[in-house]
Amino acid sequence: MVIWMAYPTLSMNQKISVQESWPEEATFCWGCGKNNEHGLKLKSYWNEDETIATWEPKDHHLAFPGILNGGIIATLIDCHATGTANAAAHKSSKDELSHFMYVTASLSVKFLRPTPLHRPVTLKARVTDISDKRIAVYCELYSDDTLCATGEIVTARVDTDKFLKQVRHCNL
């Protein structure tokens, strides 16, 4: 059985991120999993009607000298938006311990300008459409106050037990 922590209304001042509310089996993602030692370990927090994350690139995340890699940017947007979708679904659920999960169904990223490598990036995301089967999220990535990339993500609801059973089967 998968055990979810309840999704409290979180703020940047609280220590528990959206990702830390997930079942242990869902914490190995390279972008946002706390149990992936080589991952980015993105942490997202509720702030009123949006989620916010701040992440600091390392030298090995470069595309060109001084510029953050586009694949890293896409991963950050994907993970932040998917975390936002899952948290919003649980937040709007009448049952605090609901066992469901939303995963990326589509991802579209627009790179607006180069993102500096040696400055923290801030991600802001908000739900634009929500239903039982799909949640759409819009995400922005900033360096300082400069908007560098945007993303539109659609997530699809999966049966958590079946999905994680398949994940476990892949790891045999």
N, C-alpha and C. Protein backbone atom coordinates (compact mmCIF):
# COMPACT_ATOMS: atom_id res chain seq x y z
N MET A 1 0.83 -1.18 0.00
CA MET A 1 0.00 0.00 0.00
C MET A 1 0.88 1.25 0.00
N VAL A 2 0.48 2.24 -0.75
CA VAL A 2 1.22 3.50 -0.84
C VAL A 2 0.71 4.43 0.24
N ILE A 3 1.62 5.05 0.95
CA ILE A 3 1.24 5.96 2.02
C ILE A 3 1.60 7.39 1.63
N TRP A 4 0.57 8.24 1.58
CA TRP A 4 0.76 9.66 1.28
C TRP A 4 0.69 10.44 2.58
N MET A 5 1.51 11.45 2.67
CA MET A 5 1.32 12.42 3.75
C MET A 5 0.24 13.38 3.28
N ALA A 6 -0.52 13.94 4.17
CA ALA A 6 -1.51 14.94 3.79
C ALA A 6 -0.77 16.15 3.23
N TYR A 7 -1.38 16.82 2.24
CA TYR A 7 -0.79 18.02 1.65
C TYR A 7 -1.28 19.23 2.43
N PRO A 8 -0.52 19.71 3.38
CA PRO A 8 -0.94 20.91 4.08
C PRO A 8 -0.74 22.12 3.17
N THR A 9 -1.37 23.23 3.49
CA THR A 9 -1.09 24.46 2.77
C THR A 9 0.29 24.90 3.21
N LEU A 10 1.22 24.89 2.28
CA LEU A 10 2.61 25.16 2.61
C LEU A 10 3.02 26.55 2.14
N SER A 11 3.97 27.12 2.80
CA SER A 11 4.52 28.40 2.38
C SER A 11 6.03 28.28 2.35
N MET A 12 6.68 29.29 1.79
CA MET A 12 8.14 29.29 1.69
C MET A 12 8.79 29.25 3.07
N ASN A 13 8.08 29.71 4.10
CA ASN A 13 8.64 29.73 5.45
C ASN A 13 8.61 28.36 6.11
N GLN A 14 7.79 27.45 5.59
CA GLN A 14 7.71 26.13 6.17
C GLN A 14 8.79 25.24 5.57
N LYS A 15 9.18 24.22 6.30
CA LYS A 15 10.30 23.39 5.90
C LYS A 15 9.89 22.22 5.00
N ILE A 16 8.60 21.89 4.92
CA ILE A 16 8.17 20.73 4.14
C ILE A 16 7.81 21.15 2.72
N SER A 17 8.49 20.58 1.74
CA SER A 17 8.19 20.89 0.35
C SER A 17 7.06 19.99 -0.15
N VAL A 18 6.52 20.36 -1.30
CA VAL A 18 5.50 19.53 -1.96
C VAL A 18 6.04 18.12 -2.17
N GLN A 19 7.26 18.00 -2.65
CA GLN A 19 7.86 16.70 -2.95
C GLN A 19 8.04 15.83 -1.70
N GLU A 20 8.22 16.45 -0.55
CA GLU A 20 8.41 15.69 0.69
C GLU A 20 7.11 15.08 1.20
N SER A 21 6.00 15.40 0.56
CA SER A 21 4.71 14.82 0.93
C SER A 21 4.42 13.54 0.14
N TRP A 22 5.30 13.20 -0.78
CA TRP A 22 5.07 12.06 -1.66
C TRP A 22 5.42 10.74 -0.98
N PRO A 23 4.81 9.64 -1.48
CA PRO A 23 5.20 8.32 -0.95
C PRO A 23 6.66 8.04 -1.31
N GLU A 24 7.31 7.28 -0.49
CA GLU A 24 8.75 7.00 -0.66
C GLU A 24 9.09 6.50 -2.06
N GLU A 25 8.21 5.67 -2.64
CA GLU A 25 8.48 5.10 -3.97
C GLU A 25 8.54 6.16 -5.06
N ALA A 26 8.00 7.35 -4.79
CA ALA A 26 7.94 8.40 -5.80
C ALA A 26 9.02 9.45 -5.60
N THR A 27 10.08 9.14 -4.87
CA THR A 27 11.09 10.15 -4.52
C THR A 27 12.45 9.90 -5.15
N PHE A 28 12.46 9.25 -6.32
CA PHE A 28 13.74 8.94 -6.98
C PHE A 28 13.94 9.70 -8.29
N CYS A 29 13.04 10.60 -8.61
CA CYS A 29 13.13 11.38 -9.85
C CYS A 29 14.46 12.14 -9.89
N TRP A 30 15.08 12.20 -11.06
CA TRP A 30 16.35 12.90 -11.19
C TRP A 30 16.18 14.40 -10.96
N GLY A 31 15.02 14.94 -11.31
CA GLY A 31 14.82 16.37 -11.15
C GLY A 31 14.41 16.80 -9.76
N CYS A 32 13.53 16.01 -9.12
CA CYS A 32 12.98 16.48 -7.84
C CYS A 32 13.00 15.43 -6.74
N GLY A 33 13.57 14.28 -6.99
CA GLY A 33 13.56 13.23 -5.98
C GLY A 33 14.61 13.42 -4.90
N LYS A 34 14.17 13.34 -3.66
CA LYS A 34 15.11 13.48 -2.55
C LYS A 34 16.03 12.27 -2.43
N ASN A 35 15.64 11.13 -3.01
CA ASN A 35 16.44 9.91 -2.89
C ASN A 35 17.31 9.63 -4.12
N ASN A 36 17.49 10.61 -4.99
CA ASN A 36 18.39 10.44 -6.13
C ASN A 36 19.65 11.24 -5.82
N GLU A 37 20.71 10.54 -5.45
CA GLU A 37 21.93 11.22 -5.00
C GLU A 37 22.58 12.08 -6.08
N HIS A 38 22.30 11.81 -7.36
CA HIS A 38 22.90 12.59 -8.44
C HIS A 38 21.93 13.62 -9.02
N GLY A 39 20.72 13.70 -8.46
CA GLY A 39 19.67 14.53 -9.02
C GLY A 39 19.75 16.00 -8.62
N LEU A 40 18.79 16.75 -9.15
CA LEU A 40 18.73 18.18 -8.93
C LEU A 40 18.09 18.55 -7.58
N LYS A 41 17.25 17.65 -7.05
CA LYS A 41 16.60 17.82 -5.74
C LYS A 41 15.78 19.11 -5.62
N LEU A 42 15.03 19.42 -6.66
CA LEU A 42 14.16 20.59 -6.66
C LEU A 42 13.10 20.45 -5.56
N LYS A 43 12.83 21.55 -4.87
CA LYS A 43 11.80 21.57 -3.83
C LYS A 43 10.85 22.73 -4.11
N SER A 44 9.57 22.41 -4.16
CA SER A 44 8.53 23.39 -4.48
C SER A 44 7.67 23.66 -3.24
N TYR A 45 7.21 24.89 -3.12
CA TYR A 45 6.42 25.30 -1.96
C TYR A 45 5.20 26.10 -2.41
N TRP A 46 4.07 25.89 -1.73
CA TRP A 46 2.88 26.69 -2.00
C TRP A 46 3.10 28.11 -1.52
N ASN A 47 2.61 29.05 -2.32
CA ASN A 47 2.60 30.47 -1.95
C ASN A 47 1.31 31.06 -2.50
N GLU A 48 0.27 31.08 -1.68
CA GLU A 48 -1.07 31.51 -2.06
C GLU A 48 -1.61 30.63 -3.18
N ASP A 49 -1.75 31.16 -4.42
CA ASP A 49 -2.35 30.37 -5.50
C ASP A 49 -1.33 29.82 -6.49
N GLU A 50 -0.06 29.85 -6.13
CA GLU A 50 0.99 29.31 -7.01
C GLU A 50 2.02 28.57 -6.17
N THR A 51 2.89 27.85 -6.86
CA THR A 51 4.02 27.23 -6.19
C THR A 51 5.28 27.95 -6.62
N ILE A 52 6.26 27.95 -5.74
CA ILE A 52 7.53 28.61 -6.00
C ILE A 52 8.66 27.67 -5.61
N ALA A 53 9.70 27.67 -6.42
CA ALA A 53 10.91 26.91 -6.11
C ALA A 53 12.11 27.77 -6.49
N THR A 54 13.15 27.67 -5.71
CA THR A 54 14.42 28.31 -6.05
C THR A 54 15.47 27.21 -6.10
N TRP A 55 16.29 27.25 -7.15
CA TRP A 55 17.29 26.21 -7.35
C TRP A 55 18.58 26.86 -7.83
N GLU A 56 19.72 26.33 -7.35
CA GLU A 56 21.01 26.90 -7.72
C GLU A 56 21.79 25.96 -8.63
N PRO A 57 22.06 26.40 -9.87
CA PRO A 57 22.85 25.58 -10.80
C PRO A 57 24.29 25.43 -10.32
N LYS A 58 24.88 24.34 -10.74
CA LYS A 58 26.30 24.08 -10.48
C LYS A 58 27.05 24.21 -11.82
N ASP A 59 28.36 24.30 -11.75
CA ASP A 59 29.16 24.47 -12.96
C ASP A 59 28.90 23.38 -14.00
N HIS A 60 28.65 22.14 -13.57
CA HIS A 60 28.45 21.04 -14.52
C HIS A 60 27.06 21.04 -15.17
N HIS A 61 26.22 22.03 -14.87
CA HIS A 61 24.91 22.15 -15.51
C HIS A 61 24.94 23.08 -16.73
N LEU A 62 26.13 23.38 -17.22
CA LEU A 62 26.25 24.34 -18.31
C LEU A 62 25.94 23.76 -19.68
N ALA A 63 25.49 24.66 -20.57
CA ALA A 63 25.35 24.35 -21.99
C ALA A 63 26.55 24.95 -22.72
N PHE A 64 26.82 26.19 -22.39
CA PHE A 64 27.97 26.96 -22.88
C PHE A 64 28.52 27.71 -21.68
N PRO A 65 29.74 28.17 -21.74
CA PRO A 65 30.27 28.89 -20.58
C PRO A 65 29.30 29.99 -20.12
N GLY A 66 28.91 29.90 -18.85
CA GLY A 66 28.04 30.90 -18.26
C GLY A 66 26.55 30.73 -18.53
N ILE A 67 26.16 29.70 -19.30
CA ILE A 67 24.75 29.52 -19.69
C ILE A 67 24.25 28.16 -19.20
N LEU A 68 23.06 28.17 -18.56
CA LEU A 68 22.43 26.95 -18.07
C LEU A 68 21.91 26.10 -19.23
N ASN A 69 22.10 24.80 -19.14
CA ASN A 69 21.68 23.83 -20.16
C ASN A 69 20.15 23.82 -20.30
N GLY A 70 19.68 23.78 -21.54
CA GLY A 70 18.24 23.76 -21.82
C GLY A 70 17.54 22.52 -21.31
N GLY A 71 18.21 21.38 -21.31
CA GLY A 71 17.62 20.16 -20.78
C GLY A 71 17.38 20.24 -19.28
N ILE A 72 18.29 20.91 -18.59
CA ILE A 72 18.12 21.14 -17.15
C ILE A 72 16.90 22.05 -16.94
N ILE A 73 16.78 23.09 -17.74
CA ILE A 73 15.66 24.02 -17.63
C ILE A 73 14.34 23.26 -17.85
N ALA A 74 14.28 22.43 -18.89
CA ALA A 74 13.06 21.66 -19.17
C ALA A 74 12.73 20.71 -18.01
N THR A 75 13.75 20.08 -17.45
CA THR A 75 13.54 19.18 -16.31
C THR A 75 13.00 19.94 -15.11
N LEU A 76 13.57 21.10 -14.81
CA LEU A 76 13.09 21.90 -13.68
C LEU A 76 11.64 22.30 -13.87
N ILE A 77 11.29 22.75 -15.08
CA ILE A 77 9.91 23.14 -15.37
C ILE A 77 8.98 21.94 -15.24
N ASP A 78 9.37 20.81 -15.80
CA ASP A 78 8.57 19.58 -15.73
C ASP A 78 8.32 19.18 -14.28
N CYS A 79 9.37 19.09 -13.50
CA CYS A 79 9.24 18.64 -12.12
C CYS A 79 8.45 19.62 -11.26
N HIS A 80 8.69 20.90 -11.44
CA HIS A 80 7.97 21.90 -10.65
C HIS A 80 6.48 21.88 -11.00
N ALA A 81 6.19 21.80 -12.28
CA ALA A 81 4.78 21.80 -12.73
C ALA A 81 4.07 20.51 -12.31
N THR A 82 4.74 19.38 -12.42
CA THR A 82 4.12 18.12 -12.02
C THR A 82 3.89 18.08 -10.51
N GLY A 83 4.84 18.61 -9.75
CA GLY A 83 4.64 18.73 -8.31
C GLY A 83 3.45 19.64 -7.99
N THR A 84 3.32 20.72 -8.75
CA THR A 84 2.20 21.64 -8.58
C THR A 84 0.88 20.93 -8.86
N ALA A 85 0.83 20.17 -9.94
CA ALA A 85 -0.40 19.44 -10.30
C ALA A 85 -0.79 18.45 -9.22
N ASN A 86 0.17 17.67 -8.74
CA ASN A 86 -0.13 16.68 -7.69
C ASN A 86 -0.58 17.35 -6.40
N ALA A 87 0.09 18.41 -6.02
CA ALA A 87 -0.29 19.11 -4.79
C ALA A 87 -1.67 19.74 -4.93
N ALA A 88 -1.97 20.32 -6.09
CA ALA A 88 -3.28 20.93 -6.31
C ALA A 88 -4.38 19.87 -6.28
N ALA A 89 -4.11 18.71 -6.86
CA ALA A 89 -5.11 17.63 -6.87
C ALA A 89 -5.41 17.17 -5.45
N HIS A 90 -4.38 16.99 -4.66
CA HIS A 90 -4.58 16.55 -3.28
C HIS A 90 -5.19 17.65 -2.42
N LYS A 91 -4.81 18.87 -2.71
CA LYS A 91 -5.37 20.00 -1.96
C LYS A 91 -6.88 20.14 -2.22
N SER A 92 -7.30 19.86 -3.45
CA SER A 92 -8.72 20.01 -3.79
C SER A 92 -9.54 18.75 -3.48
N SER A 93 -8.87 17.66 -3.12
CA SER A 93 -9.55 16.41 -2.81
C SER A 93 -10.24 16.49 -1.46
N LYS A 94 -11.39 15.87 -1.38
CA LYS A 94 -12.12 15.83 -0.11
C LYS A 94 -11.47 14.82 0.86
N ASP A 95 -10.76 13.85 0.30
CA ASP A 95 -10.12 12.80 1.09
C ASP A 95 -8.62 13.11 1.17
N GLU A 96 -8.15 13.53 2.33
CA GLU A 96 -6.75 13.93 2.48
C GLU A 96 -5.76 12.82 2.18
N LEU A 97 -6.16 11.57 2.30
CA LEU A 97 -5.24 10.46 2.06
C LEU A 97 -5.54 9.74 0.75
N SER A 98 -6.08 10.48 -0.22
CA SER A 98 -6.38 9.89 -1.52
C SER A 98 -5.12 9.30 -2.14
N HIS A 99 -5.30 8.17 -2.79
CA HIS A 99 -4.16 7.49 -3.41
C HIS A 99 -4.24 7.62 -4.92
N PHE A 100 -3.82 8.76 -5.42
CA PHE A 100 -3.75 8.97 -6.86
C PHE A 100 -2.51 9.79 -7.17
N MET A 101 -2.17 9.80 -8.44
CA MET A 101 -0.93 10.44 -8.85
C MET A 101 -1.10 10.98 -10.26
N TYR A 102 -0.51 12.14 -10.54
CA TYR A 102 -0.51 12.72 -11.87
C TYR A 102 0.92 12.72 -12.39
N VAL A 103 1.09 12.28 -13.65
CA VAL A 103 2.41 12.23 -14.28
C VAL A 103 2.36 13.05 -15.56
N THR A 104 3.51 13.42 -16.06
CA THR A 104 3.59 14.25 -17.26
C THR A 104 3.02 13.54 -18.47
N ALA A 105 2.06 14.18 -19.13
CA ALA A 105 1.50 13.68 -20.39
C ALA A 105 2.07 14.47 -21.57
N SER A 106 2.28 15.77 -21.37
CA SER A 106 2.92 16.59 -22.41
C SER A 106 3.65 17.75 -21.75
N LEU A 107 4.68 18.19 -22.43
CA LEU A 107 5.52 19.27 -21.93
C LEU A 107 5.95 20.13 -23.12
N SER A 108 5.70 21.42 -23.02
CA SER A 108 6.12 22.36 -24.05
C SER A 108 6.90 23.48 -23.37
N VAL A 109 8.14 23.69 -23.79
CA VAL A 109 9.00 24.70 -23.17
C VAL A 109 9.38 25.73 -24.22
N LYS A 110 9.29 27.00 -23.84
CA LYS A 110 9.76 28.10 -24.69
C LYS A 110 10.96 28.73 -24.00
N PHE A 111 12.08 28.72 -24.70
CA PHE A 111 13.30 29.33 -24.20
C PHE A 111 13.32 30.77 -24.71
N LEU A 112 13.16 31.74 -23.82
CA LEU A 112 13.01 33.14 -24.22
C LEU A 112 14.33 33.87 -24.32
N ARG A 113 15.28 33.47 -23.48
CA ARG A 113 16.62 34.07 -23.50
C ARG A 113 17.56 33.16 -22.72
N PRO A 114 18.86 33.28 -22.95
CA PRO A 114 19.79 32.43 -22.19
C PRO A 114 19.64 32.66 -20.69
N THR A 115 19.75 31.57 -19.95
CA THR A 115 19.65 31.62 -18.49
C THR A 115 21.06 31.56 -17.90
N PRO A 116 21.44 32.59 -17.14
CA PRO A 116 22.79 32.59 -16.56
C PRO A 116 23.02 31.38 -15.65
N LEU A 117 24.21 30.83 -15.72
CA LEU A 117 24.55 29.64 -14.95
C LEU A 117 24.86 29.94 -13.49
N HIS A 118 25.43 31.07 -13.21
CA HIS A 118 25.94 31.32 -11.86
C HIS A 118 25.01 32.16 -10.98
N ARG A 119 23.71 32.05 -11.25
CA ARG A 119 22.70 32.71 -10.42
C ARG A 119 21.59 31.73 -10.13
N PRO A 120 20.96 31.83 -8.97
CA PRO A 120 19.81 30.95 -8.69
C PRO A 120 18.68 31.22 -9.70
N VAL A 121 17.91 30.19 -9.97
CA VAL A 121 16.71 30.35 -10.79
C VAL A 121 15.50 30.19 -9.88
N THR A 122 14.44 30.89 -10.22
CA THR A 122 13.18 30.80 -9.48
C THR A 122 12.12 30.31 -10.44
N LEU A 123 11.34 29.33 -10.00
CA LEU A 123 10.23 28.81 -10.79
C LEU A 123 8.93 29.19 -10.10
N LYS A 124 7.95 29.60 -10.91
CA LYS A 124 6.62 29.93 -10.41
C LYS A 124 5.63 29.18 -11.30
N ALA A 125 4.69 28.47 -10.67
CA ALA A 125 3.72 27.68 -11.45
C ALA A 125 2.33 27.83 -10.86
N ARG A 126 1.35 27.75 -11.76
CA ARG A 126 -0.04 27.78 -11.32
C ARG A 126 -0.87 26.87 -12.21
N VAL A 127 -1.89 26.30 -11.63
CA VAL A 127 -2.80 25.42 -12.36
C VAL A 127 -3.68 26.29 -13.25
N THR A 128 -3.81 25.88 -14.52
CA THR A 128 -4.67 26.61 -15.46
C THR A 128 -5.94 25.85 -15.79
N ASP A 129 -5.95 24.53 -15.56
CA ASP A 129 -7.14 23.73 -15.80
C ASP A 129 -7.03 22.45 -14.96
N ILE A 130 -8.12 22.05 -14.35
CA ILE A 130 -8.09 20.87 -13.51
C ILE A 130 -9.35 20.04 -13.71
N SER A 131 -9.15 18.73 -13.87
CA SER A 131 -10.27 17.79 -13.95
C SER A 131 -9.82 16.51 -13.23
N ASP A 132 -10.71 15.53 -13.18
CA ASP A 132 -10.34 14.27 -12.52
C ASP A 132 -9.22 13.54 -13.25
N LYS A 133 -9.14 13.72 -14.59
CA LYS A 133 -8.17 12.95 -15.38
C LYS A 133 -6.93 13.72 -15.79
N ARG A 134 -7.03 15.04 -15.88
CA ARG A 134 -5.89 15.84 -16.36
C ARG A 134 -5.80 17.15 -15.59
N ILE A 135 -4.57 17.62 -15.43
CA ILE A 135 -4.33 18.94 -14.85
C ILE A 135 -3.31 19.64 -15.73
N ALA A 136 -3.63 20.87 -16.11
CA ALA A 136 -2.71 21.69 -16.91
C ALA A 136 -2.08 22.74 -15.99
N VAL A 137 -0.80 22.97 -16.20
CA VAL A 137 -0.03 23.89 -15.37
C VAL A 137 0.81 24.79 -16.28
N TYR A 138 0.88 26.06 -15.93
CA TYR A 138 1.75 27.02 -16.60
C TYR A 138 2.89 27.35 -15.65
N CYS A 139 4.12 27.34 -16.15
CA CYS A 139 5.30 27.54 -15.31
C CYS A 139 6.23 28.57 -15.93
N GLU A 140 6.81 29.42 -15.09
CA GLU A 140 7.79 30.40 -15.53
C GLU A 140 9.10 30.17 -14.79
N LEU A 141 10.22 30.37 -15.50
CA LEU A 141 11.55 30.24 -14.91
C LEU A 141 12.26 31.58 -15.05
N TYR A 142 12.71 32.10 -13.91
CA TYR A 142 13.37 33.41 -13.86
C TYR A 142 14.81 33.27 -13.39
N SER A 143 15.64 34.18 -13.86
CA SER A 143 16.96 34.42 -13.29
C SER A 143 16.91 35.86 -12.79
N ASP A 144 17.08 36.04 -11.50
CA ASP A 144 16.79 37.33 -10.87
C ASP A 144 15.35 37.70 -11.24
N ASP A 145 15.12 38.86 -11.82
CA ASP A 145 13.77 39.26 -12.21
C ASP A 145 13.52 39.07 -13.70
N THR A 146 14.41 38.41 -14.40
CA THR A 146 14.31 38.24 -15.85
C THR A 146 13.66 36.90 -16.19
N LEU A 147 12.57 36.95 -16.93
CA LEU A 147 11.90 35.73 -17.38
C LEU A 147 12.73 35.11 -18.50
N CYS A 148 13.19 33.87 -18.28
CA CYS A 148 14.08 33.21 -19.24
C CYS A 148 13.40 32.08 -20.01
N ALA A 149 12.40 31.43 -19.41
CA ALA A 149 11.72 30.31 -20.07
C ALA A 149 10.33 30.15 -19.48
N THR A 150 9.44 29.60 -20.30
CA THR A 150 8.10 29.27 -19.83
C THR A 150 7.78 27.84 -20.24
N GLY A 151 6.84 27.24 -19.55
CA GLY A 151 6.44 25.88 -19.89
C GLY A 151 4.95 25.68 -19.69
N GLU A 152 4.38 24.87 -20.56
CA GLU A 152 3.00 24.43 -20.41
C GLU A 152 3.03 22.92 -20.29
N ILE A 153 2.46 22.42 -19.21
CA ILE A 153 2.53 21.00 -18.90
C ILE A 153 1.12 20.49 -18.70
N VAL A 154 0.84 19.34 -19.28
CA VAL A 154 -0.41 18.64 -19.02
C VAL A 154 -0.03 17.34 -18.32
N THR A 155 -0.67 17.09 -17.19
CA THR A 155 -0.43 15.86 -16.45
C THR A 155 -1.66 14.97 -16.55
N ALA A 156 -1.43 13.67 -16.49
CA ALA A 156 -2.53 12.70 -16.56
C ALA A 156 -2.56 11.90 -15.26
N ARG A 157 -3.77 11.63 -14.81
CA ARG A 157 -3.95 10.85 -13.59
C ARG A 157 -3.69 9.38 -13.87
N VAL A 158 -2.91 8.75 -13.00
CA VAL A 158 -2.65 7.31 -13.10
C VAL A 158 -3.06 6.66 -11.78
N ASP A 159 -3.34 5.38 -11.84
CA ASP A 159 -3.61 4.63 -10.62
C ASP A 159 -2.27 4.44 -9.91
N THR A 160 -2.13 5.00 -8.74
CA THR A 160 -0.85 5.00 -8.03
C THR A 160 -0.33 3.60 -7.78
N ASP A 161 -1.18 2.71 -7.29
CA ASP A 161 -0.71 1.36 -6.98
C ASP A 161 -0.23 0.64 -8.24
N LYS A 162 -0.99 0.73 -9.34
CA LYS A 162 -0.58 0.08 -10.59
C LYS A 162 0.70 0.70 -11.15
N PHE A 163 0.77 2.03 -11.11
CA PHE A 163 1.93 2.73 -11.64
C PHE A 163 3.20 2.33 -10.88
N LEU A 164 3.13 2.38 -9.55
CA LEU A 164 4.30 2.05 -8.74
C LEU A 164 4.65 0.57 -8.80
N LYS A 165 3.64 -0.27 -9.03
CA LYS A 165 3.90 -1.69 -9.22
C LYS A 165 4.73 -1.90 -10.49
N GLN A 166 4.39 -1.17 -11.56
CA GLN A 166 5.17 -1.24 -12.79
C GLN A 166 6.59 -0.73 -12.56
N VAL A 167 6.72 0.34 -11.79
CA VAL A 167 8.04 0.87 -11.49
C VAL A 167 8.88 -0.17 -10.75
N ARG A 168 8.26 -0.81 -9.75
CA ARG A 168 8.97 -1.85 -8.99
C ARG A 168 9.37 -3.01 -9.90
N HIS A 169 8.48 -3.39 -10.82
CA HIS A 169 8.76 -4.49 -11.75
C HIS A 169 9.96 -4.14 -12.64
N CYS A 170 10.09 -2.91 -13.05
CA CYS A 170 11.23 -2.48 -13.87
C CYS A 170 12.54 -2.55 -13.12
N ASN A 171 12.48 -2.46 -11.82
CA ASN A 171 13.69 -2.45 -10.99
C ASN A 171 14.13 -3.82 -10.51
N LEU A 172 13.49 -4.89 -10.97
CA LEU A 172 13.86 -6.23 -10.53
C LEU A 172 15.21 -6.64 -11.01
